[in-house]
PDB file of N, CA and C in Angstrom:
ATOM      1  N   MET A   1       0.839  -1.174   0.000  1.00  0.00           N
ATOM      2  CA  MET A   1       0.000   0.000   0.000  1.00  0.00           C
ATOM      3  C   MET A   1       0.889   1.244   0.000  1.00  0.00           C
ATOM      4  N   LEU A   2       0.565   2.191  -0.848  1.00  0.00           N
ATOM      5  CA  LEU A   2       1.368   3.400  -0.954  1.00  0.00           C
ATOM      6  C   LEU A   2       0.990   4.406   0.114  1.00  0.00           C
ATOM      7  N   ASN A   3       1.996   5.048   0.659  1.00  0.00           N
ATOM      8  CA  ASN A   3       1.782   6.127   1.607  1.00  0.00           C
ATOM      9  C   ASN A   3       1.817   7.437   0.822  1.00  0.00           C
ATOM     10  N   TRP A   4       0.652   7.983   0.528  1.00  0.00           N
ATOM     11  CA  TRP A   4       0.574   9.181  -0.321  1.00  0.00           C
ATOM     12  C   TRP A   4       1.173  10.398   0.349  1.00  0.00           C
ATOM     13  N   GLN A   5       1.297  10.386   1.675  1.00  0.00           N
ATOM     14  CA  GLN A   5       1.899  11.525   2.362  1.00  0.00           C
ATOM     15  C   GLN A   5       3.403  11.564   2.141  1.00  0.00           C
ATOM     16  N   ALA A   6       3.998  10.437   1.800  1.00  0.00           N
ATOM     17  CA  ALA A   6       5.431  10.381   1.566  1.00  0.00           C
ATOM     18  C   ALA A   6       5.769  10.502   0.082  1.00  0.00           C
ATOM     19  N   MET A   7       4.808  10.894  -0.735  1.00  0.00           N
ATOM     20  CA  MET A   7       5.045  11.038  -2.170  1.00  0.00           C
ATOM     21  C   MET A   7       5.660  12.398  -2.460  1.00  0.00           C
ATOM     22  N   GLU A   8       6.603  12.402  -3.354  1.00  0.00           N
ATOM     23  CA  GLU A   8       7.277  13.634  -3.755  1.00  0.00           C
ATOM     24  C   GLU A   8       7.379  13.652  -5.275  1.00  0.00           C
ATOM     25  N   ILE A   9       7.145  14.806  -5.860  1.00  0.00           N
ATOM     26  CA  ILE A   9       7.277  14.954  -7.304  1.00  0.00           C
ATOM     27  C   ILE A   9       8.551  15.742  -7.567  1.00  0.00           C
ATOM     28  N   THR A  10       9.425  15.171  -8.358  1.00  0.00           N
ATOM     29  CA  THR A  10      10.651  15.856  -8.759  1.00  0.00           C
ATOM     30  C   THR A  10      10.699  15.905 -10.283  1.00  0.00           C
ATOM     31  N   PHE A  11      11.520  16.793 -10.793  1.00  0.00           N
ATOM     32  CA  PHE A  11      11.654  16.959 -12.239  1.00  0.00           C
ATOM     33  C   PHE A  11      13.121  16.776 -12.614  1.00  0.00           C
ATOM     34  N   LEU A  12      13.373  15.940 -13.621  1.00  0.00           N
ATOM     35  CA  LEU A  12      14.741  15.677 -14.055  1.00  0.00           C
ATOM     36  C   LEU A  12      15.353  16.865 -14.785  1.00  0.00           C
ATOM     37  N   GLN A  13      14.530  17.637 -15.476  1.00  0.00           N
ATOM     38  CA  GLN A  13      15.028  18.798 -16.216  1.00  0.00           C
ATOM     39  C   GLN A  13      14.167  20.020 -15.894  1.00  0.00           C
ATOM     40  N   PRO A  14      14.320  20.560 -14.679  1.00  0.00           N
ATOM     41  CA  PRO A  14      13.441  21.656 -14.258  1.00  0.00           C
ATOM     42  C   PRO A  14      13.659  22.964 -15.016  1.00  0.00           C
ATOM     43  N   TRP A  15      14.764  23.096 -15.706  1.00  0.00           N
ATOM     44  CA  TRP A  15      15.004  24.343 -16.434  1.00  0.00           C
ATOM     45  C   TRP A  15      14.017  24.529 -17.585  1.00  0.00           C
ATOM     46  N   TYR A  16      13.285  23.484 -17.959  1.00  0.00           N
ATOM     47  CA  TYR A  16      12.244  23.633 -18.976  1.00  0.00           C
ATOM     48  C   TYR A  16      11.114  24.551 -18.499  1.00  0.00           C
ATOM     49  N   PHE A  17      10.996  24.739 -17.200  1.00  0.00           N
ATOM     50  CA  PHE A  17       9.943  25.613 -16.688  1.00  0.00           C
ATOM     51  C   PHE A  17      10.159  27.066 -17.102  1.00  0.00           C
ATOM     52  N   LEU A  18      11.329  27.402 -17.574  1.00  0.00           N
ATOM     53  CA  LEU A  18      11.550  28.738 -18.117  1.00  0.00           C
ATOM     54  C   LEU A  18      10.685  28.989 -19.350  1.00  0.00           C
ATOM     55  N   LEU A  19      10.266  27.918 -20.005  1.00  0.00           N
ATOM     56  CA  LEU A  19       9.393  28.065 -21.170  1.00  0.00           C
ATOM     57  C   LEU A  19       8.017  28.610 -20.795  1.00  0.00           C
ATOM     58  N   LEU A  20       7.662  28.562 -19.520  1.00  0.00           N
ATOM     59  CA  LEU A  20       6.381  29.133 -19.091  1.00  0.00           C
ATOM     60  C   LEU A  20       6.345  30.648 -19.284  1.00  0.00           C
ATOM     61  N   LEU A  21       7.514  31.239 -19.463  1.00  0.00           N
ATOM     62  CA  LEU A  21       7.570  32.681 -19.695  1.00  0.00           C
ATOM     63  C   LEU A  21       6.981  33.085 -21.046  1.00  0.00           C
ATOM     64  N   ILE A  22       6.719  32.118 -21.933  1.00  0.00           N
ATOM     65  CA  ILE A  22       6.130  32.453 -23.229  1.00  0.00           C
ATOM     66  C   ILE A  22       4.604  32.536 -23.165  1.00  0.00           C
ATOM     67  N   ILE A  23       3.998  32.174 -22.038  1.00  0.00           N
ATOM     68  CA  ILE A  23       2.536  32.223 -21.943  1.00  0.00           C
ATOM     69  C   ILE A  23       1.997  33.638 -22.139  1.00  0.00           C
ATOM     70  N   PRO A  24       2.591  34.675 -21.528  1.00  0.00           N
ATOM     71  CA  PRO A  24       2.080  36.031 -21.808  1.00  0.00           C
ATOM     72  C   PRO A  24       2.158  36.410 -23.294  1.00  0.00           C
ATOM     73  N   TYR A  25       3.154  35.854 -23.997  1.00  0.00           N
ATOM     74  CA  TYR A  25       3.254  36.103 -25.426  1.00  0.00           C
ATOM     75  C   TYR A  25       2.045  35.524 -26.156  1.00  0.00           C
ATOM     76  N   PHE A  26       1.611  34.323 -25.776  1.00  0.00           N
ATOM     77  CA  PHE A  26       0.420  33.731 -26.386  1.00  0.00           C
ATOM     78  C   PHE A  26      -0.821  34.575 -26.121  1.00  0.00           C
ATOM     79  N   TRP A  27      -0.922  35.149 -24.945  1.00  0.00           N
ATOM     80  CA  TRP A  27      -2.061  36.022 -24.638  1.00  0.00           C
ATOM     81  C   TRP A  27      -2.014  37.269 -25.514  1.00  0.00           C
ATOM     82  N   TRP A  28      -0.811  37.817 -25.681  1.00  0.00           N
ATOM     83  CA  TRP A  28      -0.670  39.047 -26.463  1.00  0.00           C
ATOM     84  C   TRP A  28      -0.969  38.780 -27.938  1.00  0.00           C
ATOM     85  N   VAL A  29      -0.456  37.684 -28.482  1.00  0.00           N
ATOM     86  CA  VAL A  29      -0.709  37.341 -29.883  1.00  0.00           C
ATOM     87  C   VAL A  29      -2.173  36.956 -30.072  1.00  0.00           C
ATOM     88  N   GLY A  30      -2.752  36.295 -29.080  1.00  0.00           N
ATOM     89  CA  GLY A  30      -4.130  35.856 -29.181  1.00  0.00           C
ATOM     90  C   GLY A  30      -5.143  36.980 -29.227  1.00  0.00           C
ATOM     91  N   ARG A  31      -4.728  38.149 -28.766  1.00  0.00           N
ATOM     92  CA  ARG A  31      -5.655  39.298 -28.809  1.00  0.00           C
ATOM     93  C   ARG A  31      -6.145  39.557 -30.232  1.00  0.00           C
ATOM     94  N   GLY A  32      -5.247  39.458 -31.190  1.00  0.00           N
ATOM     95  CA  GLY A  32      -5.624  39.742 -32.574  1.00  0.00           C
ATOM     96  C   GLY A  32      -6.374  38.596 -33.233  1.00  0.00           C
ATOM     97  N   SER A  33      -5.927  37.365 -32.995  1.00  0.00           N
ATOM     98  CA  SER A  33      -6.542  36.237 -33.685  1.00  0.00           C
ATOM     99  C   SER A  33      -7.877  35.832 -33.079  1.00  0.00           C
ATOM    100  N   LEU A  34      -8.105  36.158 -31.810  1.00  0.00           N
ATOM    101  CA  LEU A  34      -9.347  35.793 -31.144  1.00  0.00           C
ATOM    102  C   LEU A  34     -10.221  37.010 -30.847  1.00  0.00           C
ATOM    103  N   ALA A  35      -9.979  38.098 -31.547  1.00  0.00           N
ATOM    104  CA  ALA A  35     -10.665  39.357 -31.230  1.00  0.00           C
ATOM    105  C   ALA A  35     -12.172  39.265 -31.451  1.00  0.00           C
ATOM    106  N   GLY A  36     -12.631  38.476 -32.376  1.00  0.00           N
ATOM    107  CA  GLY A  36     -14.051  38.416 -32.684  1.00  0.00           C
ATOM    108  C   GLY A  36     -14.855  37.517 -31.752  1.00  0.00           C
ATOM    109  N   LEU A  37     -14.234  36.911 -30.780  1.00  0.00           N
ATOM    110  CA  LEU A  37     -14.932  35.968 -29.912  1.00  0.00           C
ATOM    111  C   LEU A  37     -15.736  36.629 -28.800  1.00  0.00           C
ATOM    112  N   GLY A  38     -15.380  37.790 -28.415  1.00  0.00           N
ATOM    113  CA  GLY A  38     -15.976  38.396 -27.226  1.00  0.00           C
ATOM    114  C   GLY A  38     -15.068  38.157 -26.036  1.00  0.00           C
ATOM    115  N   ARG A  39     -15.239  38.953 -25.002  1.00  0.00           N
ATOM    116  CA  ARG A  39     -14.301  38.919 -23.875  1.00  0.00           C
ATOM    117  C   ARG A  39     -14.306  37.568 -23.140  1.00  0.00           C
ATOM    118  N   ALA A  40     -15.463  37.035 -22.819  1.00  0.00           N
ATOM    119  CA  ALA A  40     -15.533  35.796 -22.039  1.00  0.00           C
ATOM    120  C   ALA A  40     -14.944  34.619 -22.819  1.00  0.00           C
ATOM    121  N   ARG A  41     -15.299  34.505 -24.069  1.00  0.00           N
ATOM    122  CA  ARG A  41     -14.780  33.390 -24.876  1.00  0.00           C
ATOM    123  C   ARG A  41     -13.290  33.547 -25.132  1.00  0.00           C
ATOM    124  N   PHE A  42     -12.815  34.789 -25.308  1.00  0.00           N
ATOM    125  CA  PHE A  42     -11.382  35.029 -25.479  1.00  0.00           C
ATOM    126  C   PHE A  42     -10.622  34.586 -24.226  1.00  0.00           C
ATOM    127  N   LEU A  43     -11.125  34.966 -23.048  1.00  0.00           N
ATOM    128  CA  LEU A  43     -10.455  34.594 -21.803  1.00  0.00           C
ATOM    129  C   LEU A  43     -10.433  33.076 -21.621  1.00  0.00           C
ATOM    130  N   MET A  44     -11.548  32.425 -21.967  1.00  0.00           N
ATOM    131  CA  MET A  44     -11.607  30.973 -21.844  1.00  0.00           C
ATOM    132  C   MET A  44     -10.640  30.310 -22.820  1.00  0.00           C
ATOM    133  N   ALA A  45     -10.584  30.769 -24.051  1.00  0.00           N
ATOM    134  CA  ALA A  45      -9.673  30.186 -25.040  1.00  0.00           C
ATOM    135  C   ALA A  45      -8.219  30.435 -24.650  1.00  0.00           C
ATOM    136  N   ALA A  46      -7.911  31.632 -24.181  1.00  0.00           N
ATOM    137  CA  ALA A  46      -6.548  31.940 -23.756  1.00  0.00           C
ATOM    138  C   ALA A  46      -6.160  31.103 -22.527  1.00  0.00           C
ATOM    139  N   PHE A  47      -7.094  30.902 -21.612  1.00  0.00           N
ATOM    140  CA  PHE A  47      -6.832  30.085 -20.437  1.00  0.00           C
ATOM    141  C   PHE A  47      -6.502  28.654 -20.843  1.00  0.00           C
ATOM    142  N   PHE A  48      -7.302  28.079 -21.741  1.00  0.00           N
ATOM    143  CA  PHE A  48      -7.049  26.700 -22.158  1.00  0.00           C
ATOM    144  C   PHE A  48      -5.755  26.569 -22.949  1.00  0.00           C
ATOM    145  N   ARG A  49      -5.409  27.570 -23.716  1.00  0.00           N
ATOM    146  CA  ARG A  49      -4.103  27.561 -24.392  1.00  0.00           C
ATOM    147  C   ARG A  49      -2.978  27.581 -23.364  1.00  0.00           C
ATOM    148  N   SER A  50      -3.138  28.396 -22.346  1.00  0.00           N
ATOM    149  CA  SER A  50      -2.116  28.487 -21.301  1.00  0.00           C
ATOM    150  C   SER A  50      -1.967  27.174 -20.552  1.00  0.00           C
ATOM    151  N   VAL A  51      -3.089  26.525 -20.256  1.00  0.00           N
ATOM    152  CA  VAL A  51      -3.039  25.229 -19.571  1.00  0.00           C
ATOM    153  C   VAL A  51      -2.344  24.198 -20.451  1.00  0.00           C
ATOM    154  N   LEU A  52      -2.632  24.219 -21.736  1.00  0.00           N
ATOM    155  CA  LEU A  52      -1.997  23.284 -22.665  1.00  0.00           C
ATOM    156  C   LEU A  52      -0.486  23.499 -22.707  1.00  0.00           C
ATOM    157  N   VAL A  53      -0.061  24.742 -22.792  1.00  0.00           N
ATOM    158  CA  VAL A  53       1.379  25.038 -22.797  1.00  0.00           C
ATOM    159  C   VAL A  53       2.013  24.590 -21.483  1.00  0.00           C
ATOM    160  N   ALA A  54       1.344  24.859 -20.370  1.00  0.00           N
ATOM    161  CA  ALA A  54       1.885  24.457 -19.065  1.00  0.00           C
ATOM    162  C   ALA A  54       2.012  22.938 -18.964  1.00  0.00           C
ATOM    163  N   LEU A  55       1.046  22.205 -19.454  1.00  0.00           N
ATOM    164  CA  LEU A  55       1.121  20.745 -19.425  1.00  0.00           C
ATOM    165  C   LEU A  55       2.245  20.214 -20.317  1.00  0.00           C
ATOM    166  N   LEU A  56       2.431  20.817 -21.472  1.00  0.00           N
ATOM    167  CA  LEU A  56       3.529  20.410 -22.351  1.00  0.00           C
ATOM    168  C   LEU A  56       4.883  20.683 -21.703  1.00  0.00           C
ATOM    169  N   VAL A  57       5.000  21.834 -21.044  1.00  0.00           N
ATOM    170  CA  VAL A  57       6.248  22.168 -20.363  1.00  0.00           C
ATOM    171  C   VAL A  57       6.504  21.185 -19.222  1.00  0.00           C
ATOM    172  N   CYS A  58       5.466  20.838 -18.481  1.00  0.00           N
ATOM    173  CA  CYS A  58       5.625  19.851 -17.407  1.00  0.00           C
ATOM    174  C   CYS A  58       6.076  18.504 -17.963  1.00  0.00           C
ATOM    175  N   ALA A  59       5.555  18.122 -19.096  1.00  0.00           N
ATOM    176  CA  ALA A  59       5.966  16.859 -19.708  1.00  0.00           C
ATOM    177  C   ALA A  59       7.422  16.923 -20.162  1.00  0.00           C
ATOM    178  N   LEU A  60       7.847  18.057 -20.696  1.00  0.00           N
ATOM    179  CA  LEU A  60       9.242  18.207 -21.117  1.00  0.00           C
ATOM    180  C   LEU A  60      10.200  18.185 -19.930  1.00  0.00           C
ATOM    181  N   ALA A  61       9.743  18.631 -18.767  1.00  0.00           N
ATOM    182  CA  ALA A  61      10.592  18.674 -17.575  1.00  0.00           C
ATOM    183  C   ALA A  61      10.808  17.289 -16.969  1.00  0.00           C
ATOM    184  N   LYS A  62      10.160  16.281 -17.494  1.00  0.00           N
ATOM    185  CA  LYS A  62      10.301  14.879 -17.082  1.00  0.00           C
ATOM    186  C   LYS A  62      10.001  14.683 -15.589  1.00  0.00           C
ATOM    187  N   PRO A  63       8.725  14.714 -15.235  1.00  0.00           N
ATOM    188  CA  PRO A  63       8.378  14.522 -13.817  1.00  0.00           C
ATOM    189  C   PRO A  63       8.599  13.081 -13.369  1.00  0.00           C
ATOM    190  N   GLN A  64       8.962  12.948 -12.102  1.00  0.00           N
ATOM    191  CA  GLN A  64       9.116  11.634 -11.487  1.00  0.00           C
ATOM    192  C   GLN A  64       8.403  11.656 -10.147  1.00  0.00           C
ATOM    193  N   PHE A  65       7.670  10.615  -9.873  1.00  0.00           N
ATOM    194  CA  PHE A  65       7.008  10.469  -8.588  1.00  0.00           C
ATOM    195  C   PHE A  65       7.870   9.564  -7.727  1.00  0.00           C
ATOM    196  N   GLN A  66       8.258  10.066  -6.566  1.00  0.00           N
ATOM    197  CA  GLN A  66       9.100   9.292  -5.665  1.00  0.00           C
ATOM    198  C   GLN A  66       8.335   9.028  -4.376  1.00  0.00           C
ATOM    199  N   PHE A  67       8.359   7.788  -3.960  1.00  0.00           N
ATOM    200  CA  PHE A  67       7.717   7.385  -2.721  1.00  0.00           C
ATOM    201  C   PHE A  67       8.803   6.960  -1.745  1.00  0.00           C
ATOM    202  N   SER A  68       8.724   7.456  -0.526  1.00  0.00           N
ATOM    203  CA  SER A  68       9.675   7.042   0.492  1.00  0.00           C
ATOM    204  C   SER A  68       8.936   6.254   1.568  1.00  0.00           C
ATOM    205  N   ASP A  69       9.659   5.335   2.152  1.00  0.00           N
ATOM    206  CA  ASP A  69       9.060   4.467   3.163  1.00  0.00           C
ATOM    207  C   ASP A  69      10.109   4.181   4.219  1.00  0.00           C
ATOM    208  N   ASN A  70       9.667   3.950   5.430  1.00  0.00           N
ATOM    209  CA  ASN A  70      10.588   3.662   6.524  1.00  0.00           C
ATOM    210  C   ASN A  70      10.935   2.181   6.621  1.00  0.00           C
ATOM    211  N   ALA A  71      10.234   1.351   5.900  1.00  0.00           N
ATOM    212  CA  ALA A  71      10.510  -0.082   5.934  1.00  0.00           C
ATOM    213  C   ALA A  71      11.805  -0.368   5.180  1.00  0.00           C
ATOM    214  N   VAL A  72      12.667  -1.145   5.810  1.00  0.00           N
ATOM    215  CA  VAL A  72      13.960  -1.462   5.223  1.00  0.00           C
ATOM    216  C   VAL A  72      14.147  -2.978   5.240  1.00  0.00           C
ATOM    217  N   THR A  73      14.654  -3.499   4.167  1.00  0.00           N
ATOM    218  CA  THR A  73      14.973  -4.915   4.090  1.00  0.00           C
ATOM    219  C   THR A  73      16.487  -5.058   4.061  1.00  0.00           C
ATOM    220  N   VAL A  74      17.006  -5.846   4.970  1.00  0.00           N
ATOM    221  CA  VAL A  74      18.447  -6.069   5.051  1.00  0.00           C
ATOM    222  C   VAL A  74      18.705  -7.555   4.850  1.00  0.00           C
ATOM    223  N   ILE A  75      19.646  -7.845   3.987  1.00  0.00           N
ATOM    224  CA  ILE A  75      20.030  -9.232   3.728  1.00  0.00           C
ATOM    225  C   ILE A  75      21.498  -9.381   4.110  1.00  0.00           C
ATOM    226  N   TYR A  76      21.782 -10.361   4.961  1.00  0.00           N
ATOM    227  CA  TYR A  76      23.152 -10.649   5.365  1.00  0.00           C
ATOM    228  C   TYR A  76      23.656 -11.846   4.578  1.00  0.00           C
ATOM    229  N   LEU A  77      24.860 -11.748   4.116  1.00  0.00           N
ATOM    230  CA  LEU A  77      25.511 -12.848   3.417  1.00  0.00           C
ATOM    231  C   LEU A  77      26.786 -13.165   4.184  1.00  0.00           C
ATOM    232  N   LEU A  78      26.847 -14.329   4.766  1.00  0.00           N
ATOM    233  CA  LEU A  78      27.995 -14.714   5.580  1.00  0.00           C
ATOM    234  C   LEU A  78      28.822 -15.761   4.842  1.00  0.00           C
ATOM    235  N   ASP A  79      30.101 -15.498   4.758  1.00  0.00           N
ATOM    236  CA  ASP A  79      31.024 -16.445   4.143  1.00  0.00           C
ATOM    237  C   ASP A  79      31.390 -17.491   5.189  1.00  0.00           C
ATOM    238  N   GLN A  80      30.935 -18.713   5.002  1.00  0.00           N
ATOM    239  CA  GLN A  80      31.188 -19.796   5.955  1.00  0.00           C
ATOM    240  C   GLN A  80      32.206 -20.800   5.404  1.00  0.00           C
ATOM    241  N   SER A  81      33.018 -20.358   4.472  1.00  0.00           N
ATOM    242  CA  SER A  81      33.995 -21.273   3.880  1.00  0.00           C
ATOM    243  C   SER A  81      35.165 -21.495   4.838  1.00  0.00           C
ATOM    244  N   ALA A  82      35.965 -22.486   4.529  1.00  0.00           N
ATOM    245  CA  ALA A  82      37.105 -22.852   5.379  1.00  0.00           C
ATOM    246  C   ALA A  82      38.207 -21.791   5.352  1.00  0.00           C
ATOM    247  N   SER A  83      38.162 -20.881   4.378  1.00  0.00           N
ATOM    248  CA  SER A  83      39.191 -19.842   4.300  1.00  0.00           C
ATOM    249  C   SER A  83      39.004 -18.771   5.384  1.00  0.00           C
ATOM    250  N   ILE A  84      37.848 -18.738   6.019  1.00  0.00           N
ATOM    251  CA  ILE A  84      37.575 -17.800   7.112  1.00  0.00           C
ATOM    252  C   ILE A  84      37.784 -18.548   8.425  1.00  0.00           C
ATOM    253  N   PRO A  85      38.569 -17.990   9.327  1.00  0.00           N
ATOM    254  CA  PRO A  85      38.790 -18.679  10.617  1.00  0.00           C
ATOM    255  C   PRO A  85      37.471 -18.881  11.371  1.00  0.00           C
ATOM    256  N   GLN A  86      37.416 -19.966  12.143  1.00  0.00           N
ATOM    257  CA  GLN A  86      36.188 -20.336  12.863  1.00  0.00           C
ATOM    258  C   GLN A  86      35.726 -19.222  13.797  1.00  0.00           C
ATOM    259  N   GLU A  87      36.634 -18.571  14.515  1.00  0.00           N
ATOM    260  CA  GLU A  87      36.224 -17.506  15.445  1.00  0.00           C
ATOM    261  C   GLU A  87      35.631 -16.301  14.704  1.00  0.00           C
ATOM    262  N   LYS A  88      36.131 -16.007  13.522  1.00  0.00           N
ATOM    263  CA  LYS A  88      35.551 -14.913  12.703  1.00  0.00           C
ATOM    264  C   LYS A  88      34.142 -15.281  12.242  1.00  0.00           C
ATOM    265  N   ARG A  89      33.955 -16.527  11.829  1.00  0.00           N
ATOM    266  CA  ARG A  89      32.628 -16.973  11.389  1.00  0.00           C
ATOM    267  C   ARG A  89      31.628 -16.908  12.531  1.00  0.00           C
ATOM    268  N   GLU A  90      32.049 -17.294  13.718  1.00  0.00           N
ATOM    269  CA  GLU A  90      31.161 -17.214  14.879  1.00  0.00           C
ATOM    270  C   GLU A  90      30.846 -15.773  15.241  1.00  0.00           C
ATOM    271  N   ALA A  91      31.829 -14.882  15.131  1.00  0.00           N
ATOM    272  CA  ALA A  91      31.602 -13.461  15.418  1.00  0.00           C
ATOM    273  C   ALA A  91      30.615 -12.855  14.419  1.00  0.00           C
ATOM    274  N   MET A  92      30.750 -13.232  13.157  1.00  0.00           N
ATOM    275  CA  MET A  92      29.807 -12.731  12.143  1.00  0.00           C
ATOM    276  C   MET A  92      28.392 -13.229  12.440  1.00  0.00           C
ATOM    277  N   PHE A  93      28.270 -14.511  12.785  1.00  0.00           N
ATOM    278  CA  PHE A  93      26.956 -15.078  13.070  1.00  0.00           C
ATOM    279  C   PHE A  93      26.316 -14.405  14.288  1.00  0.00           C
ATOM    280  N   LYS A  94      27.104 -14.147  15.332  1.00  0.00           N
ATOM    281  CA  LYS A  94      26.594 -13.461  16.525  1.00  0.00           C
ATOM    282  C   LYS A  94      26.139 -12.039  16.188  1.00  0.00           C
ATOM    283  N   PHE A  95      26.907 -11.365  15.344  1.00  0.00           N
ATOM    284  CA  PHE A  95      26.546 -10.000  14.941  1.00  0.00           C
ATOM    285  C   PHE A  95      25.202 -10.003  14.225  1.00  0.00           C
ATOM    286  N   VAL A  96      25.003 -10.947  13.333  1.00  0.00           N
ATOM    287  CA  VAL A  96      23.741 -11.016  12.578  1.00  0.00           C
ATOM    288  C   VAL A  96      22.585 -11.340  13.509  1.00  0.00           C
ATOM    289  N   THR A  97      22.759 -12.322  14.395  1.00  0.00           N
ATOM    290  CA  THR A  97      21.665 -12.683  15.287  1.00  0.00           C
ATOM    291  C   THR A  97      21.316 -11.557  16.261  1.00  0.00           C
ATOM    292  N   ARG A  98      22.289 -10.766  16.669  1.00  0.00           N
ATOM    293  CA  ARG A  98      22.019  -9.602  17.541  1.00  0.00           C
ATOM    294  C   ARG A  98      21.211  -8.542  16.793  1.00  0.00           C
ATOM    295  N   ASN A  99      21.527  -8.320  15.525  1.00  0.00           N
ATOM    296  CA  ASN A  99      20.883  -7.247  14.766  1.00  0.00           C
ATOM    297  C   ASN A  99      19.527  -7.632  14.192  1.00  0.00           C
ATOM    298  N   VAL A 100      19.262  -8.901  14.083  1.00  0.00           N
ATOM    299  CA  VAL A 100      17.966  -9.323  13.555  1.00  0.00           C
ATOM    300  C   VAL A 100      16.954  -9.253  14.656  1.00  0.00           C
TER     301      VAL A 100
END
């Protein structure tokens, strides 16, 4: 089960957000091409254009969702071969049993 409170959104290429600075340009250019729509329809069309540009910029910035959790899995691998002295092998085994 995911812990949504521990979710974090990061972007691999956040400098793409500088492209959001072109949104006012779209509003300025749109004044002429959407002039016959009326004020309410112009604002709605400009808003949706801005949302579209913002979504494209977010996609270019490569978002990643990261989940963090406090649960940790630890695996111990003990070398029990004859090349390791018996007292070292026993010390390793005691260390593992203490920590588990």
